Each structure stands twice: as structure tokens, then as C-alpha cells.
Amino acid sequence: MLTSVSCGRGVSRQSNMKSVTDVLRHKGATHVWSVSPTDTVFSAIATMAQREVGALTVMQNDKLVGIVSERDYTRKVILRDRSSKETHVSEIMTYDVIEVAPHDQIADCVKLMKDHHIRHLPVLDAGKVVGMLSLRDLFSEIIDEQADTIDQLQHYIRGEV
């Protein structure tokens, strides 16, 4: 079951707060890596390693049906002494996916990730997966934004407007 959550719903934010679209643009990621529920966990982990990502969307007939992460692998395969070459993604993936939309705000997405104890958020636009955000992506954007604010304040204090 997919859970569509608009993390900005009902929350008042400053208009200069960056959105998911801004993070995806800055990240430059145009491709979302995915696997099928019938793929082996070994194949999924190999894809994560090759693409240097910590999670993959699980797609079936061009529809998001879940997400699988390195955390799923460690907790549901390694710690249970299962074989990654014999276990299918469908056996360990998360079915109840929390997703966000391109217009959602960064701070609200971080709160959503914190509240649900997750590290990755698929981004859906009109039912189509258009990106994947990691907690690292969001923190990086927040840090960059704070550095810009500090720089602007320093210029203002020095009278260098």
C-alpha cells in the first residue's frame, strides 16, 4: 500500500523555503533507479552499489509498488541468515511507501522522514516517479541555504548591501 503524504499540507512556511523540485534540480538526478519485486535481493544490492544509492524504488508495470533499501537488506536478509541470491525483493521490500510531491517543502519532508524513521522518499508527480530524495540530499540543501543566509547577514552587518 502506498501512502501519499503532502508534507507541506497545512503548514505555513516562508515563501523563500526551497521545495523538493529545488533539491532535485540541485542534485541533478534525472533518473530514478528501480528493481522489480521478482528480482533477487542480490541483484538489487548490486544495483545500489553500482549506482551508489542506498535505496531503490520497486516498480511493477510502471507503477510504484514499494521501496527496498540497504537497511531492509541488513535487517531482513543478513541478520536472518537468508541468501540474497535466493530471496526476492518482494520478500523484504517496504510496501507502505511514504511519498512526496515536487511542490512540498524541504523542512516538512525532513520532519516526515524523522516522524516515520525513514531515510528515502520517492517523489511522485501525477502518479509518476520523478525522483528520489535521501536524508543526505535534504540536509545538504538546508546546510547550503543556511550558509547563504549567514553570508548575506555578514554582508548586511558590514554594510556591504
C-alpha atoms as a PDB file:
ATOM      1  CA  MET A   1       0.000   0.000   0.000  1.00  0.00           C
ATOM      2  CA  LEU A   2       1.315   3.423  -0.924  1.00  0.00           C
ATOM      3  CA  THR A   3       0.845   6.320   1.395  1.00  0.00           C
ATOM      4  CA  SER A   4       0.753   9.636  -0.365  1.00  0.00           C
ATOM      5  CA  VAL A   5       1.696  12.398   2.008  1.00  0.00           C
ATOM      6  CA  SER A   6       1.893  16.029   1.121  1.00  0.00           C
ATOM      7  CA  CYS A   7       4.406  17.108   3.692  1.00  0.00           C
ATOM      8  CA  GLY A   8       3.565  20.767   3.206  1.00  0.00           C
ATOM      9  CA  ARG A   9      -0.172  20.405   3.756  1.00  0.00           C
ATOM     10  CA  GLY A  10      -1.483  22.817   6.356  1.00  0.00           C
ATOM     11  CA  VAL A  11       1.951  24.141   7.231  1.00  0.00           C
ATOM     12  CA  SER A  12       2.809  27.791   6.897  1.00  0.00           C
ATOM     13  CA  ARG A  13       6.331  28.344   5.586  1.00  0.00           C
ATOM     14  CA  GLN A  14       8.251  31.326   4.321  1.00  0.00           C
ATOM     15  CA  SER A  15       7.982  31.752   0.569  1.00  0.00           C
ATOM     16  CA  ASN A  16      11.775  31.500   0.171  1.00  0.00           C
ATOM     17  CA  MET A  17      11.853  27.981   1.629  1.00  0.00           C
ATOM     18  CA  LYS A  18      13.086  25.580  -1.009  1.00  0.00           C
ATOM     19  CA  SER A  19      10.931  22.818  -2.395  1.00  0.00           C
ATOM     20  CA  VAL A  20      11.536  19.220  -3.419  1.00  0.00           C
ATOM     21  CA  THR A  21      11.832  20.444  -7.020  1.00  0.00           C
ATOM     22  CA  ASP A  22      14.734  22.707  -5.978  1.00  0.00           C
ATOM     23  CA  VAL A  23      16.545  19.772  -4.347  1.00  0.00           C
ATOM     24  CA  LEU A  24      16.054  17.534  -7.379  1.00  0.00           C
ATOM     25  CA  ARG A  25      17.292  20.295  -9.681  1.00  0.00           C
ATOM     26  CA  HIS A  26      20.360  20.931  -7.495  1.00  0.00           C
ATOM     27  CA  LYS A  27      21.022  17.199  -7.185  1.00  0.00           C
ATOM     28  CA  GLY A  28      20.916  16.900 -10.974  1.00  0.00           C
ATOM     29  CA  ALA A  29      19.405  13.432 -10.730  1.00  0.00           C
ATOM     30  CA  THR A  30      17.168  12.796 -13.684  1.00  0.00           C
ATOM     31  CA  HIS A  31      16.947   9.016 -13.389  1.00  0.00           C
ATOM     32  CA  VAL A  32      15.383   7.024 -10.581  1.00  0.00           C
ATOM     33  CA  TRP A  33      16.878   3.556 -10.249  1.00  0.00           C
ATOM     34  CA  SER A  34      14.432   0.745  -9.701  1.00  0.00           C
ATOM     35  CA  VAL A  35      14.012  -3.014  -9.473  1.00  0.00           C
ATOM     36  CA  SER A  36      11.135  -5.422  -9.887  1.00  0.00           C
ATOM     37  CA  PRO A  37       9.553  -7.284  -6.960  1.00  0.00           C
ATOM     38  CA  THR A  38      10.665 -10.536  -8.629  1.00  0.00           C
ATOM     39  CA  ASP A  39      14.348  -9.525  -8.807  1.00  0.00           C
ATOM     40  CA  THR A  40      16.691 -11.126  -6.313  1.00  0.00           C
ATOM     41  CA  VAL A  41      17.933  -9.134  -3.362  1.00  0.00           C
ATOM     42  CA  PHE A  42      21.470  -9.789  -4.626  1.00  0.00           C
ATOM     43  CA  SER A  43      20.595  -8.036  -7.898  1.00  0.00           C
ATOM     44  CA  ALA A  44      19.055  -5.097  -6.013  1.00  0.00           C
ATOM     45  CA  ILE A  45      22.111  -4.700  -3.781  1.00  0.00           C
ATOM     46  CA  ALA A  46      24.408  -4.905  -6.825  1.00  0.00           C
ATOM     47  CA  THR A  47      22.374  -2.121  -8.480  1.00  0.00           C
ATOM     48  CA  MET A  48      22.599   0.019  -5.335  1.00  0.00           C
ATOM     49  CA  ALA A  49      26.365  -0.466  -5.221  1.00  0.00           C
ATOM     50  CA  GLN A  50      26.802   0.256  -8.930  1.00  0.00           C
ATOM     51  CA  ARG A  51      24.622   3.385  -8.804  1.00  0.00           C
ATOM     52  CA  GLU A  52      25.932   4.478  -5.391  1.00  0.00           C
ATOM     53  CA  VAL A  53      22.470   4.780  -3.837  1.00  0.00           C
ATOM     54  CA  GLY A  54      21.020   3.459  -0.600  1.00  0.00           C
ATOM     55  CA  ALA A  55      17.533   2.636  -1.836  1.00  0.00           C
ATOM     56  CA  LEU A  56      15.657   1.709  -4.992  1.00  0.00           C
ATOM     57  CA  THR A  57      12.060   2.085  -5.992  1.00  0.00           C
ATOM     58  CA  VAL A  58      10.287  -1.194  -6.658  1.00  0.00           C
ATOM     59  CA  MET A  59       8.276  -0.907  -9.861  1.00  0.00           C
ATOM     60  CA  GLN A  60       5.755  -3.227 -11.480  1.00  0.00           C
ATOM     61  CA  ASN A  61       4.133  -2.294 -14.795  1.00  0.00           C
ATOM     62  CA  ASP A  62       5.460   1.275 -14.456  1.00  0.00           C
ATOM     63  CA  LYS A  63       3.753   1.601 -11.068  1.00  0.00           C
ATOM     64  CA  LEU A  64       5.475   2.188  -7.726  1.00  0.00           C
ATOM     65  CA  VAL A  65       4.717  -0.802  -5.510  1.00  0.00           C
ATOM     66  CA  GLY A  66       7.408  -0.396  -2.858  1.00  0.00           C
ATOM     67  CA  ILE A  67      10.909   0.609  -1.898  1.00  0.00           C
ATOM     68  CA  VAL A  68      13.916  -1.505  -0.937  1.00  0.00           C
ATOM     69  CA  SER A  69      16.912  -0.185   0.960  1.00  0.00           C
ATOM     70  CA  GLU A  70      20.251  -1.282   2.338  1.00  0.00           C
ATOM     71  CA  ARG A  71      18.553  -1.213   5.740  1.00  0.00           C
ATOM     72  CA  ASP A  72      15.970  -3.750   4.523  1.00  0.00           C
ATOM     73  CA  TYR A  73      18.827  -5.953   3.331  1.00  0.00           C
ATOM     74  CA  THR A  74      20.744  -5.855   6.599  1.00  0.00           C
ATOM     75  CA  ARG A  75      17.718  -6.401   8.812  1.00  0.00           C
ATOM     76  CA  LYS A  76      15.704  -8.854   6.726  1.00  0.00           C
ATOM     77  CA  VAL A  77      18.400 -10.861   4.953  1.00  0.00           C
ATOM     78  CA  ILE A  78      21.773 -10.670   6.697  1.00  0.00           C
ATOM     79  CA  LEU A  79      20.501 -10.756  10.287  1.00  0.00           C
ATOM     80  CA  ARG A  80      18.123 -13.598   9.450  1.00  0.00           C
ATOM     81  CA  ASP A  81      20.847 -15.602   7.728  1.00  0.00           C
ATOM     82  CA  ARG A  82      18.969 -15.668   4.414  1.00  0.00           C
ATOM     83  CA  SER A  83      20.538 -15.949   0.983  1.00  0.00           C
ATOM     84  CA  SER A  84      20.461 -12.733  -1.046  1.00  0.00           C
ATOM     85  CA  LYS A  85      20.678 -14.809  -4.243  1.00  0.00           C
ATOM     86  CA  GLU A  86      17.553 -16.798  -3.352  1.00  0.00           C
ATOM     87  CA  THR A  87      15.449 -14.101  -1.658  1.00  0.00           C
ATOM     88  CA  HIS A  88      13.254 -11.902  -3.841  1.00  0.00           C
ATOM     89  CA  VAL A  89      12.862  -8.156  -3.381  1.00  0.00           C
ATOM     90  CA  SER A  90       9.135  -8.678  -2.700  1.00  0.00           C
ATOM     91  CA  GLU A  91      10.049 -10.606   0.457  1.00  0.00           C
ATOM     92  CA  ILE A  92      11.932  -7.725   2.093  1.00  0.00           C
ATOM     93  CA  MET A  93      10.701  -4.510   0.482  1.00  0.00           C
ATOM     94  CA  THR A  94       8.613  -1.878   2.220  1.00  0.00           C
ATOM     95  CA  TYR A  95       5.117  -1.855   0.768  1.00  0.00           C
ATOM     96  CA  ASP A  96       3.724   1.096   2.718  1.00  0.00           C
ATOM     97  CA  VAL A  97       5.758   3.765   0.937  1.00  0.00           C
ATOM     98  CA  ILE A  98       5.682   7.355   2.100  1.00  0.00           C
ATOM     99  CA  GLU A  99       5.919   9.588  -0.948  1.00  0.00           C
ATOM    100  CA  VAL A 100       6.068  13.333  -1.545  1.00  0.00           C
ATOM    101  CA  ALA A 101       5.247  15.745  -4.357  1.00  0.00           C
ATOM    102  CA  PRO A 102       7.544  18.195  -6.163  1.00  0.00           C
ATOM    103  CA  HIS A 103       5.932  21.261  -4.530  1.00  0.00           C
ATOM    104  CA  ASP A 104       6.481  20.023  -0.956  1.00  0.00           C
ATOM    105  CA  GLN A 105       8.887  21.952   1.263  1.00  0.00           C
ATOM    106  CA  ILE A 106      12.273  20.610   2.391  1.00  0.00           C
ATOM    107  CA  ALA A 107      11.794  21.200   6.128  1.00  0.00           C
ATOM    108  CA  ASP A 108       8.450  19.435   6.061  1.00  0.00           C
ATOM    109  CA  CYS A 109       9.972  16.451   4.253  1.00  0.00           C
ATOM    110  CA  VAL A 110      12.739  16.211   6.874  1.00  0.00           C
ATOM    111  CA  LYS A 111      10.070  16.178   9.587  1.00  0.00           C
ATOM    112  CA  LEU A 112       8.164  13.494   7.699  1.00  0.00           C
ATOM    113  CA  MET A 113      11.303  11.353   7.453  1.00  0.00           C
ATOM    114  CA  LYS A 114      12.031  11.851  11.143  1.00  0.00           C
ATOM    115  CA  ASP A 115       8.475  11.037  12.202  1.00  0.00           C
ATOM    116  CA  HIS A 116       8.382   7.835  10.111  1.00  0.00           C
ATOM    117  CA  HIS A 117      12.015   6.789  10.756  1.00  0.00           C
ATOM    118  CA  ILE A 118      12.844   6.635   7.049  1.00  0.00           C
ATOM    119  CA  ARG A 119      15.832   7.804   5.018  1.00  0.00           C
ATOM    120  CA  HIS A 120      14.429   7.893   1.477  1.00  0.00           C
ATOM    121  CA  LEU A 121      11.382   9.498  -0.126  1.00  0.00           C
ATOM    122  CA  PRO A 122      10.171   8.792  -3.642  1.00  0.00           C
ATOM    123  CA  VAL A 123       8.874  11.907  -5.377  1.00  0.00           C
ATOM    124  CA  LEU A 124       5.702  11.404  -7.408  1.00  0.00           C
ATOM    125  CA  ASP A 125       4.113  13.835  -9.816  1.00  0.00           C
ATOM    126  CA  ALA A 126       0.702  12.828 -11.189  1.00  0.00           C
ATOM    127  CA  GLY A 127       1.361   9.227 -10.161  1.00  0.00           C
ATOM    128  CA  LYS A 128       4.756   9.038 -11.911  1.00  0.00           C
ATOM    129  CA  VAL A 129       8.021   8.637 -10.005  1.00  0.00           C
ATOM    130  CA  VAL A 130      10.122  11.702 -10.867  1.00  0.00           C
ATOM    131  CA  GLY A 131      12.826  11.487  -8.224  1.00  0.00           C
ATOM    132  CA  MET A 132      14.148  10.027  -5.014  1.00  0.00           C
ATOM    133  CA  LEU A 133      15.298  12.064  -2.043  1.00  0.00           C
ATOM    134  CA  SER A 134      17.616  10.909   0.689  1.00  0.00           C
ATOM    135  CA  LEU A 135      18.000  12.496   4.082  1.00  0.00           C
ATOM    136  CA  ARG A 136      21.510  13.466   2.965  1.00  0.00           C
ATOM    137  CA  ASP A 137      20.094  15.341  -0.052  1.00  0.00           C
ATOM    138  CA  LEU A 138      17.783  17.338   2.186  1.00  0.00           C
ATOM    139  CA  PHE A 139      20.403  18.099   4.835  1.00  0.00           C
ATOM    140  CA  SER A 140      22.848  19.205   2.157  1.00  0.00           C
ATOM    141  CA  GLU A 141      20.306  21.644   0.749  1.00  0.00           C
ATOM    142  CA  ILE A 142      19.475  23.003   4.216  1.00  0.00           C
ATOM    143  CA  ILE A 143      23.164  23.489   5.040  1.00  0.00           C
ATOM    144  CA  ASP A 144      23.766  25.312   1.738  1.00  0.00           C
ATOM    145  CA  GLU A 145      20.750  27.542   2.371  1.00  0.00           C
ATOM    146  CA  GLN A 146      21.932  28.373   5.901  1.00  0.00           C
ATOM    147  CA  ALA A 147      25.437  29.178   4.618  1.00  0.00           C
ATOM    148  CA  ASP A 148      23.906  31.610   2.096  1.00  0.00           C
ATOM    149  CA  THR A 149      21.839  33.247   4.844  1.00  0.00           C
ATOM    150  CA  ILE A 150      24.901  33.640   7.079  1.00  0.00           C
ATOM    151  CA  ASP A 151      26.838  35.176   4.178  1.00  0.00           C
ATOM    152  CA  GLN A 152      24.016  37.642   3.464  1.00  0.00           C
ATOM    153  CA  LEU A 153      23.790  38.609   7.142  1.00  0.00           C
ATOM    154  CA  GLN A 154      27.554  39.159   7.333  1.00  0.00           C
ATOM    155  CA  HIS A 155      27.412  41.450   4.281  1.00  0.00           C
ATOM    156  CA  TYR A 156      24.477  43.328   5.814  1.00  0.00           C
ATOM    157  CA  ILE A 157      26.289  43.795   9.142  1.00  0.00           C
ATOM    158  CA  ARG A 158      29.375  45.113   7.338  1.00  0.00           C
ATOM    159  CA  GLY A 159      27.207  47.472   5.322  1.00  0.00           C
ATOM    160  CA  GLU A 160      28.044  45.719   2.060  1.00  0.00           C
ATOM    161  CA  VAL A 161      24.458  45.513   0.834  1.00  0.00           C
END
